[in-house]
Amino acid sequence: MVLKNVVLLASVALFLGACGAGAAEIKKREKQEADLEPMNTEEARDLYIRNCESCHGTDGKKQLSGAADLSVSTKSDSEILHTIQNGNDKGMMPYKDLLTKREQSGLVEFVKTLR
């Protein structure tokens, strides 16, 4: 029983450490990107392909697992950003701790091109 608790505690500690390391990496990348220009369309498209295409599809119409059809979205920039950062109750995960602010803004601009 004690061994089981030790293993569980160690697992939790490793998980929390990994989560903290991810957030630290984002902060480091944001500091490095502070003086960079906004993402160009090609960079944003590549980011979309890596993070969004599997559910939303290349043209934004795929709708896998309840994903929104981005080609008919009427969301404002701030609404798109909120969804990217916080996910939604339909299964989209939050990206606020996975993408830098520059990357999030680039995705907002790219998603609008799918309309």
PDB file of N, CA and C in Angstrom:
ATOM      1  N   MET A   1       0.818  -1.187   0.000  1.00  0.00           N
ATOM      2  CA  MET A   1       0.000   0.000   0.000  1.00  0.00           C
ATOM      3  C   MET A   1       0.867   1.258   0.000  1.00  0.00           C
ATOM      4  N   VAL A   2       1.920   1.272   0.822  1.00  0.00           N
ATOM      5  CA  VAL A   2       2.814   2.413   0.883  1.00  0.00           C
ATOM      6  C   VAL A   2       3.501   2.609  -0.467  1.00  0.00           C
ATOM      7  N   LEU A   3       3.949   1.519  -1.080  1.00  0.00           N
ATOM      8  CA  LEU A   3       4.602   1.600  -2.382  1.00  0.00           C
ATOM      9  C   LEU A   3       3.649   2.177  -3.423  1.00  0.00           C
ATOM     10  N   LYS A   4       2.409   1.769  -3.368  1.00  0.00           N
ATOM     11  CA  LYS A   4       1.398   2.269  -4.302  1.00  0.00           C
ATOM     12  C   LYS A   4       1.236   3.784  -4.147  1.00  0.00           C
ATOM     13  N   ASN A   5       1.199   4.269  -2.907  1.00  0.00           N
ATOM     14  CA  ASN A   5       1.072   5.702  -2.646  1.00  0.00           C
ATOM     15  C   ASN A   5       2.306   6.466  -3.113  1.00  0.00           C
ATOM     16  N   VAL A   6       3.475   5.884  -2.917  1.00  0.00           N
ATOM     17  CA  VAL A   6       4.717   6.519  -3.356  1.00  0.00           C
ATOM     18  C   VAL A   6       4.734   6.642  -4.877  1.00  0.00           C
ATOM     19  N   VAL A   7       4.335   5.582  -5.565  1.00  0.00           N
ATOM     20  CA  VAL A   7       4.294   5.604  -7.028  1.00  0.00           C
ATOM     21  C   VAL A   7       3.291   6.647  -7.507  1.00  0.00           C
ATOM     22  N   LEU A   8       2.128   6.709  -6.887  1.00  0.00           N
ATOM     23  CA  LEU A   8       1.111   7.685  -7.251  1.00  0.00           C
ATOM     24  C   LEU A   8       1.621   9.103  -7.030  1.00  0.00           C
ATOM     25  N   LEU A   9       2.232   9.355  -5.893  1.00  0.00           N
ATOM     26  CA  LEU A   9       2.772  10.668  -5.580  1.00  0.00           C
ATOM     27  C   LEU A   9       3.863  11.062  -6.569  1.00  0.00           C
ATOM     28  N   ALA A  10       4.736  10.142  -6.905  1.00  0.00           N
ATOM     29  CA  ALA A  10       5.797  10.416  -7.873  1.00  0.00           C
ATOM     30  C   ALA A  10       5.206  10.731  -9.243  1.00  0.00           C
ATOM     31  N   SER A  11       4.180  10.009  -9.641  1.00  0.00           N
ATOM     32  CA  SER A  11       3.529  10.254 -10.930  1.00  0.00           C
ATOM     33  C   SER A  11       2.916  11.644 -10.979  1.00  0.00           C
ATOM     34  N   VAL A  12       2.241  12.022  -9.917  1.00  0.00           N
ATOM     35  CA  VAL A  12       1.628  13.351  -9.848  1.00  0.00           C
ATOM     36  C   VAL A  12       2.706  14.427  -9.908  1.00  0.00           C
ATOM     37  N   ALA A  13       3.792  14.237  -9.186  1.00  0.00           N
ATOM     38  CA  ALA A  13       4.885  15.212  -9.187  1.00  0.00           C
ATOM     39  C   ALA A  13       5.485  15.362 -10.582  1.00  0.00           C
ATOM     40  N   LEU A  14       5.692  14.260 -11.273  1.00  0.00           N
ATOM     41  CA  LEU A  14       6.222  14.323 -12.637  1.00  0.00           C
ATOM     42  C   LEU A  14       5.261  15.037 -13.569  1.00  0.00           C
ATOM     43  N   PHE A  15       3.971  14.733 -13.454  1.00  0.00           N
ATOM     44  CA  PHE A  15       2.967  15.375 -14.297  1.00  0.00           C
ATOM     45  C   PHE A  15       2.951  16.879 -14.067  1.00  0.00           C
ATOM     46  N   LEU A  16       2.922  17.296 -12.812  1.00  0.00           N
ATOM     47  CA  LEU A  16       2.899  18.725 -12.502  1.00  0.00           C
ATOM     48  C   LEU A  16       4.181  19.411 -12.959  1.00  0.00           C
ATOM     49  N   GLY A  17       5.290  18.739 -12.826  1.00  0.00           N
ATOM     50  CA  GLY A  17       6.551  19.295 -13.307  1.00  0.00           C
ATOM     51  C   GLY A  17       6.547  19.485 -14.806  1.00  0.00           C
ATOM     52  N   ALA A  18       5.986  18.534 -15.522  1.00  0.00           N
ATOM     53  CA  ALA A  18       5.901  18.638 -16.981  1.00  0.00           C
ATOM     54  C   ALA A  18       4.986  19.782 -17.386  1.00  0.00           C
ATOM     55  N   CYS A  19       3.886  19.959 -16.683  1.00  0.00           N
ATOM     56  CA  CYS A  19       2.968  21.061 -16.984  1.00  0.00           C
ATOM     57  C   CYS A  19       3.655  22.402 -16.763  1.00  0.00           C
ATOM     58  N   GLY A  20       4.368  22.529 -15.684  1.00  0.00           N
ATOM     59  CA  GLY A  20       5.078  23.762 -15.393  1.00  0.00           C
ATOM     60  C   GLY A  20       6.170  24.048 -16.401  1.00  0.00           C
ATOM     61  N   ALA A  21       6.833  23.013 -16.867  1.00  0.00           N
ATOM     62  CA  ALA A  21       7.893  23.185 -17.860  1.00  0.00           C
ATOM     63  C   ALA A  21       7.313  23.690 -19.169  1.00  0.00           C
ATOM     64  N   GLY A  22       6.135  23.230 -19.540  1.00  0.00           N
ATOM     65  CA  GLY A  22       5.488  23.685 -20.773  1.00  0.00           C
ATOM     66  C   GLY A  22       5.154  25.160 -20.702  1.00  0.00           C
ATOM     67  N   ALA A  23       4.635  25.606 -19.573  1.00  0.00           N
ATOM     68  CA  ALA A  23       4.295  27.012 -19.396  1.00  0.00           C
ATOM     69  C   ALA A  23       5.559  27.870 -19.428  1.00  0.00           C
ATOM     70  N   ALA A  24       6.625  27.385 -18.830  1.00  0.00           N
ATOM     71  CA  ALA A  24       7.887  28.126 -18.846  1.00  0.00           C
ATOM     72  C   ALA A  24       8.419  28.253 -20.269  1.00  0.00           C
ATOM     73  N   GLU A  25       8.275  27.201 -21.053  1.00  0.00           N
ATOM     74  CA  GLU A  25       8.722  27.234 -22.451  1.00  0.00           C
ATOM     75  C   GLU A  25       7.928  28.265 -23.244  1.00  0.00           C
ATOM     76  N   ILE A  26       6.625  28.348 -23.023  1.00  0.00           N
ATOM     77  CA  ILE A  26       5.792  29.344 -23.710  1.00  0.00           C
ATOM     78  C   ILE A  26       6.261  30.745 -23.344  1.00  0.00           C
ATOM     79  N   LYS A  27       6.493  31.006 -22.074  1.00  0.00           N
ATOM     80  CA  LYS A  27       6.954  32.334 -21.646  1.00  0.00           C
ATOM     81  C   LYS A  27       8.293  32.674 -22.290  1.00  0.00           C
ATOM     82  N   LYS A  28       9.181  31.696 -22.374  1.00  0.00           N
ATOM     83  CA  LYS A  28      10.485  31.912 -22.998  1.00  0.00           C
ATOM     84  C   LYS A  28      10.311  32.262 -24.473  1.00  0.00           C
ATOM     85  N   ARG A  29       9.465  31.512 -25.174  1.00  0.00           N
ATOM     86  CA  ARG A  29       9.230  31.780 -26.599  1.00  0.00           C
ATOM     87  C   ARG A  29       8.559  33.132 -26.801  1.00  0.00           C
ATOM     88  N   GLU A  30       7.638  33.505 -25.910  1.00  0.00           N
ATOM     89  CA  GLU A  30       6.980  34.805 -26.037  1.00  0.00           C
ATOM     90  C   GLU A  30       7.984  35.940 -25.874  1.00  0.00           C
ATOM     91  N   LYS A  31       8.914  35.774 -24.950  1.00  0.00           N
ATOM     92  CA  LYS A  31       9.935  36.803 -24.756  1.00  0.00           C
ATOM     93  C   LYS A  31      10.802  36.929 -26.009  1.00  0.00           C
ATOM     94  N   GLN A  32      11.154  35.798 -26.618  1.00  0.00           N
ATOM     95  CA  GLN A  32      11.963  35.815 -27.834  1.00  0.00           C
ATOM     96  C   GLN A  32      11.196  36.415 -29.009  1.00  0.00           C
ATOM     97  N   GLU A  33       9.869  36.240 -29.030  1.00  0.00           N
ATOM     98  CA  GLU A  33       9.050  36.702 -30.148  1.00  0.00           C
ATOM     99  C   GLU A  33       8.559  38.133 -29.986  1.00  0.00           C
ATOM    100  N   ALA A  34       8.820  38.755 -28.853  1.00  0.00           N
ATOM    101  CA  ALA A  34       8.249  40.064 -28.552  1.00  0.00           C
ATOM    102  C   ALA A  34       8.515  41.095 -29.642  1.00  0.00           C
ATOM    103  N   ASP A  35       9.676  41.068 -30.239  1.00  0.00           N
ATOM    104  CA  ASP A  35      10.025  42.060 -31.246  1.00  0.00           C
ATOM    105  C   ASP A  35       9.786  41.585 -32.675  1.00  0.00           C
ATOM    106  N   LEU A  36       9.241  40.401 -32.836  1.00  0.00           N
ATOM    107  CA  LEU A  36       9.003  39.874 -34.176  1.00  0.00           C
ATOM    108  C   LEU A  36       7.743  40.465 -34.783  1.00  0.00           C
ATOM    109  N   GLU A  37       7.720  40.472 -36.099  1.00  0.00           N
ATOM    110  CA  GLU A  37       6.533  40.894 -36.836  1.00  0.00           C
ATOM    111  C   GLU A  37       5.410  39.894 -36.608  1.00  0.00           C
ATOM    112  N   PRO A  38       4.169  40.300 -36.858  1.00  0.00           N
ATOM    113  CA  PRO A  38       3.072  39.325 -36.809  1.00  0.00           C
ATOM    114  C   PRO A  38       3.336  38.185 -37.790  1.00  0.00           C
ATOM    115  N   MET A  39       2.731  37.052 -37.549  1.00  0.00           N
ATOM    116  CA  MET A  39       2.910  35.890 -38.423  1.00  0.00           C
ATOM    117  C   MET A  39       2.442  36.204 -39.835  1.00  0.00           C
ATOM    118  N   ASN A  40       3.209  35.732 -40.808  1.00  0.00           N
ATOM    119  CA  ASN A  40       2.722  35.849 -42.179  1.00  0.00           C
ATOM    120  C   ASN A  40       1.760  34.695 -42.452  1.00  0.00           C
ATOM    121  N   THR A  41       1.071  34.764 -43.576  1.00  0.00           N
ATOM    122  CA  THR A  41       0.043  33.771 -43.890  1.00  0.00           C
ATOM    123  C   THR A  41       0.613  32.362 -43.950  1.00  0.00           C
ATOM    124  N   GLU A  42       1.797  32.210 -44.499  1.00  0.00           N
ATOM    125  CA  GLU A  42       2.410  30.877 -44.619  1.00  0.00           C
ATOM    126  C   GLU A  42       2.705  30.274 -43.245  1.00  0.00           C
ATOM    127  N   GLU A  43       3.276  31.078 -42.348  1.00  0.00           N
ATOM    128  CA  GLU A  43       3.540  30.594 -40.985  1.00  0.00           C
ATOM    129  C   GLU A  43       2.243  30.199 -40.287  1.00  0.00           C
ATOM    130  N   ALA A  44       1.226  31.046 -40.423  1.00  0.00           N
ATOM    131  CA  ALA A  44      -0.057  30.777 -39.772  1.00  0.00           C
ATOM    132  C   ALA A  44      -0.712  29.530 -40.356  1.00  0.00           C
ATOM    133  N   ARG A  45      -0.606  29.342 -41.668  1.00  0.00           N
ATOM    134  CA  ARG A  45      -1.171  28.152 -42.309  1.00  0.00           C
ATOM    135  C   ARG A  45      -0.489  26.899 -41.771  1.00  0.00           C
ATOM    136  N   ASP A  46       0.833  26.931 -41.662  1.00  0.00           N
ATOM    137  CA  ASP A  46       1.574  25.782 -41.127  1.00  0.00           C
ATOM    138  C   ASP A  46       1.159  25.476 -39.683  1.00  0.00           C
ATOM    139  N   LEU A  47       0.969  26.513 -38.894  1.00  0.00           N
ATOM    140  CA  LEU A  47       0.520  26.346 -37.512  1.00  0.00           C
ATOM    141  C   LEU A  47      -0.881  25.731 -37.478  1.00  0.00           C
ATOM    142  N   TYR A  48      -1.757  26.199 -38.357  1.00  0.00           N
ATOM    143  CA  TYR A  48      -3.115  25.642 -38.462  1.00  0.00           C
ATOM    144  C   TYR A  48      -3.050  24.162 -38.834  1.00  0.00           C
ATOM    145  N   ILE A  49      -2.220  23.828 -39.798  1.00  0.00           N
ATOM    146  CA  ILE A  49      -2.095  22.427 -40.235  1.00  0.00           C
ATOM    147  C   ILE A  49      -1.644  21.546 -39.071  1.00  0.00           C
ATOM    148  N   ARG A  50      -0.678  22.011 -38.294  1.00  0.00           N
ATOM    149  CA  ARG A  50      -0.158  21.216 -37.176  1.00  0.00           C
ATOM    150  C   ARG A  50      -1.154  21.076 -36.021  1.00  0.00           C
ATOM    151  N   ASN A  51      -1.969  22.097 -35.800  1.00  0.00           N
ATOM    152  CA  ASN A  51      -2.796  22.111 -34.596  1.00  0.00           C
ATOM    153  C   ASN A  51      -4.301  21.995 -34.811  1.00  0.00           C
ATOM    154  N   CYS A  52      -4.784  22.311 -35.995  1.00  0.00           N
ATOM    155  CA  CYS A  52      -6.232  22.444 -36.191  1.00  0.00           C
ATOM    156  C   CYS A  52      -6.807  21.570 -37.302  1.00  0.00           C
ATOM    157  N   GLU A  53      -5.992  21.291 -38.310  1.00  0.00           N
ATOM    158  CA  GLU A  53      -6.483  20.625 -39.512  1.00  0.00           C
ATOM    159  C   GLU A  53      -7.105  19.255 -39.244  1.00  0.00           C
ATOM    160  N   SER A  54      -6.579  18.519 -38.283  1.00  0.00           N
ATOM    161  CA  SER A  54      -7.083  17.162 -38.061  1.00  0.00           C
ATOM    162  C   SER A  54      -8.563  17.153 -37.696  1.00  0.00           C
ATOM    163  N   CYS A  55      -9.063  18.185 -37.054  1.00  0.00           N
ATOM    164  CA  CYS A  55     -10.496  18.250 -36.720  1.00  0.00           C
ATOM    165  C   CYS A  55     -11.273  19.176 -37.657  1.00  0.00           C
ATOM    166  N   HIS A  56     -10.664  20.304 -38.024  1.00  0.00           N
ATOM    167  CA  HIS A  56     -11.376  21.293 -38.841  1.00  0.00           C
ATOM    168  C   HIS A  56     -11.173  21.091 -40.345  1.00  0.00           C
ATOM    169  N   GLY A  57     -10.174  20.322 -40.735  1.00  0.00           N
ATOM    170  CA  GLY A  57      -9.912  20.093 -42.151  1.00  0.00           C
ATOM    171  C   GLY A  57      -9.132  21.227 -42.788  1.00  0.00           C
ATOM    172  N   THR A  58      -8.573  20.969 -43.959  1.00  0.00           N
ATOM    173  CA  THR A  58      -7.755  21.951 -44.667  1.00  0.00           C
ATOM    174  C   THR A  58      -8.533  23.222 -44.971  1.00  0.00           C
ATOM    175  N   ASP A  59      -9.795  23.057 -45.345  1.00  0.00           N
ATOM    176  CA  ASP A  59     -10.621  24.204 -45.720  1.00  0.00           C
ATOM    177  C   ASP A  59     -11.536  24.689 -44.596  1.00  0.00           C
ATOM    178  N   GLY A  60     -11.397  24.118 -43.406  1.00  0.00           N
ATOM    179  CA  GLY A  60     -12.200  24.530 -42.263  1.00  0.00           C
ATOM    180  C   GLY A  60     -13.566  23.888 -42.180  1.00  0.00           C
ATOM    181  N   LYS A  61     -13.873  22.965 -43.090  1.00  0.00           N
ATOM    182  CA  LYS A  61     -15.219  22.388 -43.179  1.00  0.00           C
ATOM    183  C   LYS A  61     -15.342  20.970 -42.623  1.00  0.00           C
ATOM    184  N   LYS A  62     -14.262  20.380 -42.134  1.00  0.00           N
ATOM    185  CA  LYS A  62     -14.252  18.951 -41.792  1.00  0.00           C
ATOM    186  C   LYS A  62     -15.219  18.582 -40.669  1.00  0.00           C
ATOM    187  N   GLN A  63     -15.265  19.360 -39.609  1.00  0.00           N
ATOM    188  CA  GLN A  63     -16.188  19.162 -38.494  1.00  0.00           C
ATOM    189  C   GLN A  63     -16.069  17.807 -37.798  1.00  0.00           C
ATOM    190  N   LEU A  64     -14.877  17.283 -37.657  1.00  0.00           N
ATOM    191  CA  LEU A  64     -14.660  16.026 -36.943  1.00  0.00           C
ATOM    192  C   LEU A  64     -14.902  16.220 -35.448  1.00  0.00           C
ATOM    193  N   SER A  65     -15.565  15.293 -34.833  1.00  0.00           N
ATOM    194  CA  SER A  65     -15.820  15.312 -33.381  1.00  0.00           C
ATOM    195  C   SER A  65     -16.505  16.597 -32.917  1.00  0.00           C
ATOM    196  N   GLY A  66     -17.398  17.130 -33.727  1.00  0.00           N
ATOM    197  CA  GLY A  66     -18.133  18.331 -33.341  1.00  0.00           C
ATOM    198  C   GLY A  66     -17.406  19.631 -33.608  1.00  0.00           C
ATOM    199  N   ALA A  67     -16.277  19.584 -34.316  1.00  0.00           N
ATOM    200  CA  ALA A  67     -15.531  20.804 -34.627  1.00  0.00           C
ATOM    201  C   ALA A  67     -16.396  21.736 -35.474  1.00  0.00           C
ATOM    202  N   ALA A  68     -16.284  23.025 -35.229  1.00  0.00           N
ATOM    203  CA  ALA A  68     -17.062  24.018 -35.959  1.00  0.00           C
ATOM    204  C   ALA A  68     -16.639  24.078 -37.422  1.00  0.00           C
ATOM    205  N   ASP A  69     -17.591  24.387 -38.288  1.00  0.00           N
ATOM    206  CA  ASP A  69     -17.300  24.649 -39.699  1.00  0.00           C
ATOM    207  C   ASP A  69     -16.790  26.085 -39.770  1.00  0.00           C
ATOM    208  N   LEU A  70     -15.497  26.248 -39.891  1.00  0.00           N
ATOM    209  CA  LEU A  70     -14.879  27.571 -39.862  1.00  0.00           C
ATOM    210  C   LEU A  70     -15.193  28.388 -41.107  1.00  0.00           C
ATOM    211  N   SER A  71     -15.619  27.730 -42.174  1.00  0.00           N
ATOM    212  CA  SER A  71     -15.904  28.449 -43.419  1.00  0.00           C
ATOM    213  C   SER A  71     -17.180  29.283 -43.320  1.00  0.00           C
ATOM    214  N   VAL A  72     -18.027  28.998 -42.356  1.00  0.00           N
ATOM    215  CA  VAL A  72     -19.266  29.763 -42.196  1.00  0.00           C
ATOM    216  C   VAL A  72     -19.311  30.502 -40.852  1.00  0.00           C
ATOM    217  N   SER A  73     -18.203  30.514 -40.139  1.00  0.00           N
ATOM    218  CA  SER A  73     -18.145  31.168 -38.832  1.00  0.00           C
ATOM    219  C   SER A  73     -18.342  32.676 -38.971  1.00  0.00           C
ATOM    220  N   THR A  74     -19.095  33.241 -38.052  1.00  0.00           N
ATOM    221  CA  THR A  74     -19.290  34.693 -38.011  1.00  0.00           C
ATOM    222  C   THR A  74     -18.673  35.287 -36.747  1.00  0.00           C
ATOM    223  N   LYS A  75     -17.824  34.526 -36.079  1.00  0.00           N
ATOM    224  CA  LYS A  75     -17.207  35.000 -34.839  1.00  0.00           C
ATOM    225  C   LYS A  75     -16.282  36.181 -35.109  1.00  0.00           C
ATOM    226  N   SER A  76     -16.243  37.094 -34.138  1.00  0.00           N
ATOM    227  CA  SER A  76     -15.319  38.225 -34.190  1.00  0.00           C
ATOM    228  C   SER A  76     -13.911  37.742 -33.856  1.00  0.00           C
ATOM    229  N   ASP A  77     -12.933  38.612 -34.069  1.00  0.00           N
ATOM    230  CA  ASP A  77     -11.550  38.273 -33.721  1.00  0.00           C
ATOM    231  C   ASP A  77     -11.442  37.864 -32.253  1.00  0.00           C
ATOM    232  N   SER A  78     -12.083  38.636 -31.373  1.00  0.00           N
ATOM    233  CA  SER A  78     -11.967  38.334 -29.940  1.00  0.00           C
ATOM    234  C   SER A  78     -12.661  37.019 -29.593  1.00  0.00           C
ATOM    235  N   GLU A  79     -13.741  36.687 -30.276  1.00  0.00           N
ATOM    236  CA  GLU A  79     -14.418  35.410 -30.029  1.00  0.00           C
ATOM    237  C   GLU A  79     -13.570  34.237 -30.523  1.00  0.00           C
ATOM    238  N   ILE A  80     -12.933  34.408 -31.680  1.00  0.00           N
ATOM    239  CA  ILE A  80     -12.048  33.354 -32.202  1.00  0.00           C
ATOM    240  C   ILE A  80     -10.888  33.147 -31.235  1.00  0.00           C
ATOM    241  N   LEU A  81     -10.280  34.249 -30.797  1.00  0.00           N
ATOM    242  CA  LEU A  81      -9.156  34.166 -29.863  1.00  0.00           C
ATOM    243  C   LEU A  81      -9.583  33.481 -28.564  1.00  0.00           C
ATOM    244  N   HIS A  82     -10.737  33.834 -28.053  1.00  0.00           N
ATOM    245  CA  HIS A  82     -11.232  33.214 -26.818  1.00  0.00           C
ATOM    246  C   HIS A  82     -11.365  31.703 -26.990  1.00  0.00           C
ATOM    247  N   THR A  83     -11.891  31.269 -28.128  1.00  0.00           N
ATOM    248  CA  THR A  83     -12.050  29.833 -28.380  1.00  0.00           C
ATOM    249  C   THR A  83     -10.691  29.149 -28.492  1.00  0.00           C
ATOM    250  N   ILE A  84      -9.746  29.780 -29.179  1.00  0.00           N
ATOM    251  CA  ILE A  84      -8.399  29.209 -29.300  1.00  0.00           C
ATOM    252  C   ILE A  84      -7.768  29.076 -27.910  1.00  0.00           C
ATOM    253  N   GLN A  85      -7.878  30.113 -27.121  1.00  0.00           N
ATOM    254  CA  GLN A  85      -7.241  30.106 -25.805  1.00  0.00           C
ATOM    255  C   GLN A  85      -7.903  29.152 -24.815  1.00  0.00           C
ATOM    256  N   ASN A  86      -9.223  29.086 -24.839  1.00  0.00           N
ATOM    257  CA  ASN A  86      -9.957  28.370 -23.794  1.00  0.00           C
ATOM    258  C   ASN A  86     -10.645  27.095 -24.238  1.00  0.00           C
ATOM    259  N   GLY A  87     -10.620  26.797 -25.534  1.00  0.00           N
ATOM    260  CA  GLY A  87     -11.325  25.627 -26.025  1.00  0.00           C
ATOM    261  C   GLY A  87     -12.823  25.823 -25.898  1.00  0.00           C
ATOM    262  N   ASN A  88     -13.570  24.713 -25.946  1.00  0.00           N
ATOM    263  CA  ASN A  88     -15.020  24.812 -25.775  1.00  0.00           C
ATOM    264  C   ASN A  88     -15.572  23.514 -25.199  1.00  0.00           C
ATOM    265  N   ASP A  89     -16.864  23.508 -24.970  1.00  0.00           N
ATOM    266  CA  ASP A  89     -17.495  22.337 -24.357  1.00  0.00           C
ATOM    267  C   ASP A  89     -17.819  21.238 -25.360  1.00  0.00           C
ATOM    268  N   LYS A  90     -17.426  21.427 -26.613  1.00  0.00           N
ATOM    269  CA  LYS A  90     -17.660  20.407 -27.642  1.00  0.00           C
ATOM    270  C   LYS A  90     -16.427  19.538 -27.867  1.00  0.00           C
ATOM    271  N   GLY A  91     -15.399  19.753 -27.085  1.00  0.00           N
ATOM    272  CA  GLY A  91     -14.225  18.892 -27.165  1.00  0.00           C
ATOM    273  C   GLY A  91     -12.943  19.567 -27.611  1.00  0.00           C
ATOM    274  N   MET A  92     -13.019  20.841 -28.007  1.00  0.00           N
ATOM    275  CA  MET A  92     -11.784  21.528 -28.401  1.00  0.00           C
ATOM    276  C   MET A  92     -10.981  21.859 -27.151  1.00  0.00           C
ATOM    277  N   MET A  93      -9.716  21.476 -27.177  1.00  0.00           N
ATOM    278  CA  MET A  93      -8.848  21.733 -26.032  1.00  0.00           C
ATOM    279  C   MET A  93      -8.355  23.181 -26.037  1.00  0.00           C
ATOM    280  N   PRO A  94      -8.015  23.726 -24.880  1.00  0.00           N
ATOM    281  CA  PRO A  94      -7.465  25.079 -24.811  1.00  0.00           C
ATOM    282  C   PRO A  94      -6.006  25.102 -25.273  1.00  0.00           C
ATOM    283  N   TYR A  95      -5.648  26.157 -25.984  1.00  0.00           N
ATOM    284  CA  TYR A  95      -4.286  26.298 -26.489  1.00  0.00           C
ATOM    285  C   TYR A  95      -3.525  27.447 -25.831  1.00  0.00           C
ATOM    286  N   LYS A  96      -4.114  28.106 -24.830  1.00  0.00           N
ATOM    287  CA  LYS A  96      -3.445  29.269 -24.243  1.00  0.00           C
ATOM    288  C   LYS A  96      -2.091  28.938 -23.639  1.00  0.00           C
ATOM    289  N   ASP A  97      -1.905  27.714 -23.158  1.00  0.00           N
ATOM    290  CA  ASP A  97      -0.622  27.327 -22.573  1.00  0.00           C
ATOM    291  C   ASP A  97       0.249  26.546 -23.550  1.00  0.00           C
ATOM    292  N   LEU A  98      -0.226  26.386 -24.775  1.00  0.00           N
ATOM    293  CA  LEU A  98       0.521  25.631 -25.783  1.00  0.00           C
ATOM    294  C   LEU A  98       1.045  26.511 -26.908  1.00  0.00           C
ATOM    295  N   LEU A  99       0.404  27.651 -27.125  1.00  0.00           N
ATOM    296  CA  LEU A  99       0.793  28.558 -28.200  1.00  0.00           C
ATOM    297  C   LEU A  99       1.128  29.924 -27.626  1.00  0.00           C
ATOM    298  N   THR A 100       2.095  30.591 -28.231  1.00  0.00           N
ATOM    299  CA  THR A 100       2.432  31.947 -27.807  1.00  0.00           C
ATOM    300  C   THR A 100       1.330  32.899 -28.262  1.00  0.00           C
ATOM    301  N   LYS A 101       1.349  34.108 -27.737  1.00  0.00           N
ATOM    302  CA  LYS A 101       0.371  35.118 -28.149  1.00  0.00           C
ATOM    303  C   LYS A 101       0.485  35.400 -29.650  1.00  0.00           C
ATOM    304  N   ARG A 102       1.699  35.428 -30.160  1.00  0.00           N
ATOM    305  CA  ARG A 102       1.912  35.646 -31.595  1.00  0.00           C
ATOM    306  C   ARG A 102       1.278  34.517 -32.402  1.00  0.00           C
ATOM    307  N   GLU A 103       1.464  33.285 -31.958  1.00  0.00           N
ATOM    308  CA  GLU A 103       0.871  32.142 -32.651  1.00  0.00           C
ATOM    309  C   GLU A 103      -0.654  32.185 -32.573  1.00  0.00           C
ATOM    310  N   GLN A 104      -1.184  32.542 -31.412  1.00  0.00           N
ATOM    311  CA  GLN A 104      -2.634  32.649 -31.263  1.00  0.00           C
ATOM    312  C   GLN A 104      -3.197  33.710 -32.210  1.00  0.00           C
ATOM    313  N   SER A 105      -2.543  34.857 -32.270  1.00  0.00           N
ATOM    314  CA  SER A 105      -2.994  35.927 -33.170  1.00  0.00           C
ATOM    315  C   SER A 105      -2.892  35.502 -34.626  1.00  0.00           C
ATOM    316  N   GLY A 106      -1.827  34.781 -34.957  1.00  0.00           N
ATOM    317  CA  GLY A 106      -1.674  34.277 -36.320  1.00  0.00           C
ATOM    318  C   GLY A 106      -2.796  33.330 -36.696  1.00  0.00           C
ATOM    319  N   LEU A 107      -3.192  32.474 -35.760  1.00  0.00           N
ATOM    320  CA  LEU A 107      -4.303  31.553 -36.023  1.00  0.00           C
ATOM    321  C   LEU A 107      -5.612  32.305 -36.211  1.00  0.00           C
ATOM    322  N   VAL A 108      -5.836  33.344 -35.418  1.00  0.00           N
ATOM    323  CA  VAL A 108      -7.056  34.148 -35.583  1.00  0.00           C
ATOM    324  C   VAL A 108      -7.125  34.671 -37.013  1.00  0.00           C
ATOM    325  N   GLU A 109      -6.028  35.255 -37.479  1.00  0.00           N
ATOM    326  CA  GLU A 109      -6.012  35.817 -38.833  1.00  0.00           C
ATOM    327  C   GLU A 109      -6.187  34.732 -39.892  1.00  0.00           C
ATOM    328  N   PHE A 110      -5.556  33.584 -39.691  1.00  0.00           N
ATOM    329  CA  PHE A 110      -5.673  32.518 -40.687  1.00  0.00           C
ATOM    330  C   PHE A 110      -7.084  31.941 -40.730  1.00  0.00           C
ATOM    331  N   VAL A 111      -7.683  31.728 -39.569  1.00  0.00           N
ATOM    332  CA  VAL A 111      -9.041  31.169 -39.517  1.00  0.00           C
ATOM    333  C   VAL A 111     -10.003  32.055 -40.313  1.00  0.00           C
ATOM    334  N   LYS A 112      -9.806  33.362 -40.264  1.00  0.00           N
ATOM    335  CA  LYS A 112     -10.690  34.269 -41.015  1.00  0.00           C
ATOM    336  C   LYS A 112     -10.545  34.085 -42.526  1.00  0.00           C
ATOM    337  N   THR A 113      -9.389  33.612 -42.981  1.00  0.00           N
ATOM    338  CA  THR A 113      -9.207  33.396 -44.427  1.00  0.00           C
ATOM    339  C   THR A 113      -9.986  32.187 -44.922  1.00  0.00           C
ATOM    340  N   LEU A 114     -10.452  31.349 -44.022  1.00  0.00           N
ATOM    341  CA  LEU A 114     -11.198  30.148 -44.407  1.00  0.00           C
ATOM    342  C   LEU A 114     -12.665  30.450 -44.692  1.00  0.00           C
ATOM    343  N   ARG A 115     -13.097  31.662 -44.411  1.00  0.00           N
ATOM    344  CA  ARG A 115     -14.503  32.043 -44.635  1.00  0.00           C
ATOM    345  C   ARG A 115     -14.787  32.207 -46.109  1.00  0.00           C
TER     346      ARG A 115
END
